[in-house]
Amino acid sequence: MRPCAGFFRQDGYRVAPFKSQNMALNSFITAAGGEMGRAQVVQAEAAGLAPDVRMNPILLKPTSDVGSQVIIMGEAQGNRTAREYWGRKKGAFAHYQGRI
């Protein structure tokens, strides 16, 4: 089975996967060295594109019931509890705005 991007591509559409925030244990290291969700990598390949961290700018990798490793634009930012993550999210958005 092929992701939907493959079907659109065969019909002549230009598509690219995007998921602003993803929580997953499975990740992929891009050619540029950034880390992103594996699902977006599979979708990028179906679309005929090289995986790019802008397709999955925020990746949360669970480390416990209440925390995750936070990866923003392919770079690990450390482990955060859910409360810490949500408390810093607004500042992080301002910092990375325009890079996507």
C-alpha atoms as a PDB file:
ATOM      1  CA  MET A   1       0.000   0.000   0.000  1.00  0.00           C
ATOM      2  CA  ARG A   2       1.254   3.470  -0.909  1.00  0.00           C
ATOM      3  CA  PRO A   3       0.710   6.700   1.053  1.00  0.00           C
ATOM      4  CA  CYS A   4      -1.755   9.138  -0.555  1.00  0.00           C
ATOM      5  CA  ALA A   5       1.126  11.348  -1.713  1.00  0.00           C
ATOM      6  CA  GLY A   6       2.083   8.642  -4.209  1.00  0.00           C
ATOM      7  CA  PHE A   7      -1.400   8.656  -5.758  1.00  0.00           C
ATOM      8  CA  PHE A   8      -1.468  12.433  -6.092  1.00  0.00           C
ATOM      9  CA  ARG A   9       2.046  12.433  -7.524  1.00  0.00           C
ATOM     10  CA  GLN A  10       1.137   9.920 -10.232  1.00  0.00           C
ATOM     11  CA  ASP A  11      -1.737  12.234 -11.225  1.00  0.00           C
ATOM     12  CA  GLY A  12       0.684  15.130 -11.704  1.00  0.00           C
ATOM     13  CA  TYR A  13       0.188  17.001  -8.433  1.00  0.00           C
ATOM     14  CA  ARG A  14       3.128  18.314  -6.425  1.00  0.00           C
ATOM     15  CA  VAL A  15       2.647  17.351  -2.800  1.00  0.00           C
ATOM     16  CA  ALA A  16       4.710  17.434   0.381  1.00  0.00           C
ATOM     17  CA  PRO A  17       3.959  15.934   3.781  1.00  0.00           C
ATOM     18  CA  PHE A  18       3.603  18.202   6.801  1.00  0.00           C
ATOM     19  CA  LYS A  19       2.792  17.451  10.421  1.00  0.00           C
ATOM     20  CA  SER A  20       3.516  20.360  12.732  1.00  0.00           C
ATOM     21  CA  GLN A  21       3.863  18.241  15.863  1.00  0.00           C
ATOM     22  CA  ASN A  22       4.321  14.494  16.078  1.00  0.00           C
ATOM     23  CA  MET A  23       4.741  12.129  19.009  1.00  0.00           C
ATOM     24  CA  ALA A  24       6.590   8.954  18.063  1.00  0.00           C
ATOM     25  CA  LEU A  25       9.443   6.729  19.126  1.00  0.00           C
ATOM     26  CA  ASN A  26      10.424   5.980  15.529  1.00  0.00           C
ATOM     27  CA  SER A  27      12.582   8.693  14.035  1.00  0.00           C
ATOM     28  CA  PHE A  28      14.895   9.197  11.080  1.00  0.00           C
ATOM     29  CA  ILE A  29      18.108  11.183  10.605  1.00  0.00           C
ATOM     30  CA  THR A  30      18.015  13.264   7.416  1.00  0.00           C
ATOM     31  CA  ALA A  31      20.943  13.765   5.042  1.00  0.00           C
ATOM     32  CA  ALA A  32      21.433  17.178   6.677  1.00  0.00           C
ATOM     33  CA  GLY A  33      21.673  15.513  10.101  1.00  0.00           C
ATOM     34  CA  GLY A  34      18.297  16.556  11.508  1.00  0.00           C
ATOM     35  CA  GLU A  35      15.889  14.188  13.225  1.00  0.00           C
ATOM     36  CA  MET A  36      12.254  13.822  12.169  1.00  0.00           C
ATOM     37  CA  GLY A  37       9.358  11.376  12.401  1.00  0.00           C
ATOM     38  CA  ARG A  38       9.644   8.252  10.278  1.00  0.00           C
ATOM     39  CA  ALA A  39       6.032   8.532   9.038  1.00  0.00           C
ATOM     40  CA  GLN A  40       6.794  11.890   7.400  1.00  0.00           C
ATOM     41  CA  VAL A  41       9.915  10.345   5.823  1.00  0.00           C
ATOM     42  CA  VAL A  42       7.825   7.595   4.199  1.00  0.00           C
ATOM     43  CA  GLN A  43       5.370  10.230   2.948  1.00  0.00           C
ATOM     44  CA  ALA A  44       8.203  12.378   1.570  1.00  0.00           C
ATOM     45  CA  GLU A  45       9.631   9.412  -0.314  1.00  0.00           C
ATOM     46  CA  ALA A  46       6.191   8.648  -1.776  1.00  0.00           C
ATOM     47  CA  ALA A  47       6.014  12.269  -2.921  1.00  0.00           C
ATOM     48  CA  GLY A  48       9.454  11.956  -4.529  1.00  0.00           C
ATOM     49  CA  LEU A  49      11.060  14.399  -2.093  1.00  0.00           C
ATOM     50  CA  ALA A  50      14.069  14.235   0.172  1.00  0.00           C
ATOM     51  CA  PRO A  51      13.055  14.223   3.854  1.00  0.00           C
ATOM     52  CA  ASP A  52      13.384  17.687   5.419  1.00  0.00           C
ATOM     53  CA  VAL A  53      12.866  18.583   9.094  1.00  0.00           C
ATOM     54  CA  ARG A  54      10.506  21.393   8.025  1.00  0.00           C
ATOM     55  CA  MET A  55       8.015  18.619   7.168  1.00  0.00           C
ATOM     56  CA  ASN A  56       7.900  17.706  10.890  1.00  0.00           C
ATOM     57  CA  PRO A  57       9.206  20.712  12.864  1.00  0.00           C
ATOM     58  CA  ILE A  58       8.290  19.372  16.318  1.00  0.00           C
ATOM     59  CA  LEU A  59       8.950  15.763  17.273  1.00  0.00           C
ATOM     60  CA  LEU A  60       8.182  14.522  20.770  1.00  0.00           C
ATOM     61  CA  LYS A  61       9.781  11.200  21.724  1.00  0.00           C
ATOM     62  CA  PRO A  62       8.146   9.830  24.882  1.00  0.00           C
ATOM     63  CA  THR A  63      10.548   9.077  27.743  1.00  0.00           C
ATOM     64  CA  SER A  64       7.985   8.489  30.513  1.00  0.00           C
ATOM     65  CA  ASP A  65       4.278   8.740  31.255  1.00  0.00           C
ATOM     66  CA  VAL A  66       4.619  12.501  31.722  1.00  0.00           C
ATOM     67  CA  GLY A  67       7.614  13.534  29.629  1.00  0.00           C
ATOM     68  CA  SER A  68       9.302  13.451  26.261  1.00  0.00           C
ATOM     69  CA  GLN A  69      12.519  14.321  24.500  1.00  0.00           C
ATOM     70  CA  VAL A  70      11.730  17.496  22.555  1.00  0.00           C
ATOM     71  CA  ILE A  71      13.176  17.836  19.054  1.00  0.00           C
ATOM     72  CA  ILE A  72      12.592  21.126  17.255  1.00  0.00           C
ATOM     73  CA  MET A  73      13.606  21.600  13.614  1.00  0.00           C
ATOM     74  CA  GLY A  74      15.634  18.391  13.822  1.00  0.00           C
ATOM     75  CA  GLU A  75      17.644  19.400  16.907  1.00  0.00           C
ATOM     76  CA  ALA A  76      17.229  17.787  20.330  1.00  0.00           C
ATOM     77  CA  GLN A  77      16.269  20.363  22.966  1.00  0.00           C
ATOM     78  CA  GLY A  78      16.377  18.016  25.947  1.00  0.00           C
ATOM     79  CA  ASN A  79      13.797  16.145  28.002  1.00  0.00           C
ATOM     80  CA  ARG A  80      10.741  18.014  29.258  1.00  0.00           C
ATOM     81  CA  THR A  81       7.675  17.147  31.282  1.00  0.00           C
ATOM     82  CA  ALA A  82       4.377  17.988  29.618  1.00  0.00           C
ATOM     83  CA  ARG A  83       4.027  21.011  31.908  1.00  0.00           C
ATOM     84  CA  GLU A  84       7.535  22.301  31.005  1.00  0.00           C
ATOM     85  CA  TYR A  85       6.927  21.771  27.292  1.00  0.00           C
ATOM     86  CA  TRP A  86       3.647  23.683  27.237  1.00  0.00           C
ATOM     87  CA  GLY A  87       5.157  26.434  29.390  1.00  0.00           C
ATOM     88  CA  ARG A  88       7.972  27.012  26.874  1.00  0.00           C
ATOM     89  CA  LYS A  89       6.030  26.399  23.671  1.00  0.00           C
ATOM     90  CA  LYS A  90       5.076  30.035  23.041  1.00  0.00           C
ATOM     91  CA  GLY A  91       8.695  31.219  23.306  1.00  0.00           C
ATOM     92  CA  ALA A  92       9.914  28.399  21.088  1.00  0.00           C
ATOM     93  CA  PHE A  93       7.314  29.256  18.455  1.00  0.00           C
ATOM     94  CA  ALA A  94       8.525  32.854  18.322  1.00  0.00           C
ATOM     95  CA  HIS A  95      12.136  31.677  17.987  1.00  0.00           C
ATOM     96  CA  TYR A  96      11.475  29.264  15.113  1.00  0.00           C
ATOM     97  CA  GLN A  97       8.769  31.242  13.311  1.00  0.00           C
ATOM     98  CA  GLY A  98       9.857  31.951   9.752  1.00  0.00           C
ATOM     99  CA  ARG A  99      12.118  28.898   9.481  1.00  0.00           C
ATOM    100  CA  ILE A 100       9.283  26.713   8.240  1.00  0.00           C
END
